[in-house]
C-alpha cells in the first residue's frame, strides 16, 4: 500500500472512486425526477405545488404543524 505524505493512495483513490460513482448516480436520479415532474406537468398538475407537497411530506409531522401555525399567525398579522 503506497503512501504519500502519510496518506494511503489506494484508500484515497477508493473513496474518490466511490464518490464519483455516487455523483453519477445522483445525476441520473435527478434527470429521472425532472422527467417525472415534466410528465406530471404534461398531465395538468402544478409542479410548483407538487414540489411544495413533497417538501412538506418530508418534514416531521410536529415540525410541519408548528410551521403551519406560525405561517397562519404571520398571515393574520399581514391581513392576508
N, C-alpha and C. Protein backbone atom coordinates (compact mmCIF):
# COMPACT_ATOMS: atom_id res chain seq x y z
N UNK A 1 0.85 -1.17 0.00
CA UNK A 1 0.00 0.00 0.00
C UNK A 1 0.90 1.24 0.00
N UNK A 2 0.82 2.05 -1.04
CA UNK A 2 1.66 3.24 -1.17
C UNK A 2 1.10 4.38 -0.34
N UNK A 3 2.01 5.18 0.18
CA UNK A 3 1.61 6.36 0.95
C UNK A 3 2.35 7.57 0.42
N UNK A 4 1.66 8.68 0.39
CA UNK A 4 2.26 9.95 0.01
C UNK A 4 1.89 10.95 1.08
N UNK A 5 2.89 11.48 1.75
CA UNK A 5 2.62 12.45 2.81
C UNK A 5 1.77 11.87 3.93
N UNK A 6 1.91 10.58 4.20
CA UNK A 6 1.13 9.95 5.26
C UNK A 6 -0.27 9.56 4.84
N UNK A 7 -0.57 9.70 3.55
CA UNK A 7 -1.92 9.37 3.04
C UNK A 7 -1.84 8.11 2.20
N UNK A 8 -2.68 7.14 2.49
CA UNK A 8 -2.74 5.91 1.73
C UNK A 8 -3.38 6.21 0.38
N UNK A 9 -2.60 6.10 -0.70
CA UNK A 9 -3.12 6.43 -2.03
C UNK A 9 -4.23 5.48 -2.46
N UNK A 10 -4.10 4.20 -2.13
CA UNK A 10 -5.14 3.24 -2.51
C UNK A 10 -6.45 3.55 -1.81
N UNK A 11 -6.37 3.85 -0.53
CA UNK A 11 -7.59 4.15 0.24
C UNK A 11 -8.23 5.45 -0.26
N UNK A 12 -7.41 6.45 -0.52
CA UNK A 12 -7.91 7.72 -1.05
C UNK A 12 -8.58 7.50 -2.40
N UNK A 13 -7.92 6.76 -3.28
CA UNK A 13 -8.48 6.50 -4.60
C UNK A 13 -9.82 5.77 -4.48
N UNK A 14 -9.91 4.84 -3.54
CA UNK A 14 -11.15 4.10 -3.33
C UNK A 14 -12.29 5.04 -2.93
N UNK A 15 -12.02 5.96 -2.01
CA UNK A 15 -13.04 6.93 -1.59
C UNK A 15 -13.45 7.82 -2.76
N UNK A 16 -12.47 8.32 -3.49
CA UNK A 16 -12.75 9.22 -4.61
C UNK A 16 -13.57 8.49 -5.68
N UNK A 17 -13.19 7.26 -5.99
CA UNK A 17 -13.93 6.48 -6.99
C UNK A 17 -15.38 6.25 -6.56
N UNK A 18 -15.58 5.92 -5.29
CA UNK A 18 -16.94 5.70 -4.79
C UNK A 18 -17.77 6.97 -4.86
N UNK A 19 -17.16 8.08 -4.47
CA UNK A 19 -17.88 9.36 -4.50
C UNK A 19 -18.25 9.72 -5.94
N UNK A 20 -17.31 9.54 -6.86
CA UNK A 20 -17.60 9.86 -8.26
C UNK A 20 -18.72 8.98 -8.81
N UNK A 21 -18.73 7.71 -8.46
CA UNK A 21 -19.78 6.80 -8.90
C UNK A 21 -21.14 7.23 -8.33
N UNK A 22 -21.15 7.61 -7.07
CA UNK A 22 -22.39 8.07 -6.45
C UNK A 22 -22.88 9.38 -7.05
N UNK A 23 -21.95 10.27 -7.38
CA UNK A 23 -22.32 11.53 -8.03
C UNK A 23 -22.98 11.27 -9.38
N UNK A 24 -22.46 10.30 -10.13
CA UNK A 24 -23.06 9.94 -11.41
C UNK A 24 -24.47 9.39 -11.21
N UNK A 25 -24.63 8.54 -10.20
CA UNK A 25 -25.95 8.00 -9.89
C UNK A 25 -26.91 9.12 -9.49
N UNK A 26 -26.41 10.08 -8.71
CA UNK A 26 -27.23 11.20 -8.26
C UNK A 26 -27.71 12.02 -9.46
N UNK A 27 -26.82 12.25 -10.43
CA UNK A 27 -27.21 12.99 -11.63
C UNK A 27 -28.26 12.24 -12.43
N UNK A 28 -28.11 10.92 -12.52
CA UNK A 28 -29.10 10.12 -13.24
C UNK A 28 -30.45 10.18 -12.54
N UNK A 29 -30.44 10.11 -11.21
CA UNK A 29 -31.68 10.20 -10.45
C UNK A 29 -32.33 11.57 -10.61
N UNK A 30 -31.52 12.63 -10.61
CA UNK A 30 -32.05 13.98 -10.78
C UNK A 30 -32.72 14.10 -12.15
N UNK A 31 -32.13 13.51 -13.17
CA UNK A 31 -32.72 13.54 -14.50
C UNK A 31 -34.05 12.78 -14.51
N UNK A 32 -34.09 11.65 -13.82
CA UNK A 32 -35.33 10.87 -13.72
C UNK A 32 -36.42 11.67 -13.01
N UNK A 33 -36.05 12.37 -11.96
CA UNK A 33 -37.01 13.18 -11.21
C UNK A 33 -37.54 14.31 -12.08
N UNK A 34 -36.65 14.98 -12.82
CA UNK A 34 -37.10 16.04 -13.73
C UNK A 34 -38.08 15.48 -14.76
N UNK A 35 -37.82 14.29 -15.24
CA UNK A 35 -38.70 13.66 -16.22
C UNK A 35 -40.09 13.40 -15.63
N UNK A 36 -40.14 12.95 -14.39
CA UNK A 36 -41.43 12.70 -13.74
C UNK A 36 -42.18 14.01 -13.55
N UNK A 37 -41.49 15.07 -13.13
CA UNK A 37 -42.14 16.37 -12.99
C UNK A 37 -42.68 16.85 -14.33
N UNK A 38 -41.91 16.65 -15.39
CA UNK A 38 -42.34 17.06 -16.73
C UNK A 38 -43.58 16.28 -17.14
N UNK A 39 -43.60 15.00 -16.84
CA UNK A 39 -44.77 14.17 -17.15
C UNK A 39 -45.99 14.65 -16.37
N UNK A 40 -45.78 14.97 -15.09
CA UNK A 40 -46.88 15.47 -14.26
C UNK A 40 -47.40 16.80 -14.80
N UNK A 41 -46.49 17.66 -15.22
CA UNK A 41 -46.89 18.95 -15.78
C UNK A 41 -47.71 18.74 -17.06
N UNK A 42 -47.27 17.80 -17.88
CA UNK A 42 -48.00 17.48 -19.10
C UNK A 42 -49.39 16.93 -18.83
N UNK A 43 -49.56 16.32 -17.66
CA UNK A 43 -50.86 15.77 -17.26
C UNK A 43 -51.72 16.83 -16.58
N UNK A 44 -51.21 18.07 -16.49
CA UNK A 44 -52.01 19.17 -15.94
C UNK A 44 -51.79 19.48 -14.48
N UNK A 45 -50.80 18.85 -13.86
CA UNK A 45 -50.53 19.13 -12.45
C UNK A 45 -49.62 20.34 -12.31
N UNK A 46 -49.78 21.09 -11.23
CA UNK A 46 -48.93 22.24 -10.93
C UNK A 46 -47.67 21.73 -10.24
N UNK A 47 -46.56 21.76 -10.96
CA UNK A 47 -45.31 21.20 -10.47
C UNK A 47 -44.79 21.97 -9.26
N UNK A 48 -44.98 23.26 -9.24
CA UNK A 48 -44.53 24.07 -8.11
C UNK A 48 -45.22 23.62 -6.82
N UNK A 49 -46.50 23.36 -6.91
CA UNK A 49 -47.27 22.91 -5.75
C UNK A 49 -46.84 21.49 -5.38
N UNK A 50 -46.59 20.66 -6.36
CA UNK A 50 -46.14 19.30 -6.08
C UNK A 50 -44.81 19.31 -5.33
N UNK A 51 -43.89 20.19 -5.74
CA UNK A 51 -42.61 20.30 -5.04
C UNK A 51 -42.82 20.70 -3.58
N UNK A 52 -43.75 21.62 -3.36
CA UNK A 52 -44.07 22.06 -2.01
C UNK A 52 -44.64 20.90 -1.19
N UNK A 53 -45.54 20.14 -1.80
CA UNK A 53 -46.12 18.99 -1.12
C UNK A 53 -45.05 17.97 -0.73
N UNK A 54 -44.14 17.71 -1.63
CA UNK A 54 -43.07 16.74 -1.34
C UNK A 54 -42.20 17.25 -0.21
N UNK A 55 -41.89 18.56 -0.22
CA UNK A 55 -41.09 19.14 0.85
C UNK A 55 -41.81 19.00 2.19
N UNK A 56 -43.10 19.25 2.19
CA UNK A 56 -43.88 19.13 3.43
C UNK A 56 -43.97 17.69 3.91
N UNK A 57 -44.11 16.75 2.98
CA UNK A 57 -44.21 15.34 3.37
C UNK A 57 -42.92 14.81 3.97
N UNK A 58 -41.80 15.43 3.62
CA UNK A 58 -40.51 15.02 4.18
C UNK A 58 -40.36 15.47 5.63
N UNK A 59 -41.11 16.49 6.00
CA UNK A 59 -40.98 17.06 7.33
C UNK A 59 -41.65 16.17 8.38
N UNK A 60 -41.13 16.24 9.58
CA UNK A 60 -41.75 15.60 10.73
C UNK A 60 -43.11 16.24 10.95
N UNK A 61 -44.11 15.44 11.33
CA UNK A 61 -45.47 15.96 11.49
C UNK A 61 -45.53 17.13 12.47
N UNK A 62 -44.84 17.02 13.58
CA UNK A 62 -44.86 18.10 14.58
C UNK A 62 -44.21 19.37 14.03
N UNK A 63 -43.11 19.23 13.31
CA UNK A 63 -42.44 20.39 12.71
C UNK A 63 -43.34 21.05 11.67
N UNK A 64 -44.01 20.22 10.88
CA UNK A 64 -44.91 20.75 9.84
C UNK A 64 -46.08 21.49 10.48
N UNK A 65 -46.64 20.92 11.53
CA UNK A 65 -47.75 21.56 12.23
C UNK A 65 -47.32 22.90 12.81
N UNK A 66 -46.16 22.92 13.43
CA UNK A 66 -45.65 24.15 14.03
C UNK A 66 -45.42 25.21 12.94
N UNK A 67 -44.83 24.81 11.82
CA UNK A 67 -44.58 25.75 10.73
C UNK A 67 -45.89 26.32 10.19
N UNK A 68 -46.91 25.45 10.03
CA UNK A 68 -48.20 25.90 9.52
C UNK A 68 -48.87 26.87 10.48
N UNK A 69 -48.74 26.61 11.78
CA UNK A 69 -49.33 27.51 12.78
C UNK A 69 -48.66 28.87 12.73
N UNK A 70 -47.34 28.89 12.63
CA UNK A 70 -46.61 30.17 12.55
C UNK A 70 -46.97 30.89 11.26
N UNK A 71 -47.09 30.15 10.17
CA UNK A 71 -47.48 30.75 8.89
C UNK A 71 -48.83 31.42 9.01
N UNK A 72 -49.80 30.77 9.67
CA UNK A 72 -51.13 31.35 9.84
C UNK A 72 -51.07 32.61 10.72
N UNK A 73 -50.24 32.61 11.74
CA UNK A 73 -50.08 33.79 12.58
C UNK A 73 -49.54 34.94 11.74
N UNK A 74 -48.51 34.67 10.94
CA UNK A 74 -47.91 35.70 10.10
C UNK A 74 -48.92 36.22 9.06
N UNK A 75 -49.70 35.31 8.50
CA UNK A 75 -50.71 35.72 7.52
C UNK A 75 -51.75 36.65 8.16
N UNK A 76 -52.20 36.29 9.36
CA UNK A 76 -53.15 37.15 10.06
C UNK A 76 -52.54 38.51 10.39
N UNK A 77 -51.27 38.49 10.78
CA UNK A 77 -50.58 39.75 11.12
C UNK A 77 -50.48 40.67 9.90
N UNK A 78 -50.40 40.07 8.73
CA UNK A 78 -50.30 40.86 7.50
C UNK A 78 -51.66 41.09 6.84
N UNK A 79 -52.73 40.64 7.50
CA UNK A 79 -54.07 40.84 6.98
C UNK A 79 -54.38 40.02 5.74
N UNK A 80 -53.77 38.88 5.65
CA UNK A 80 -53.98 38.02 4.46
C UNK A 80 -55.13 37.07 4.70
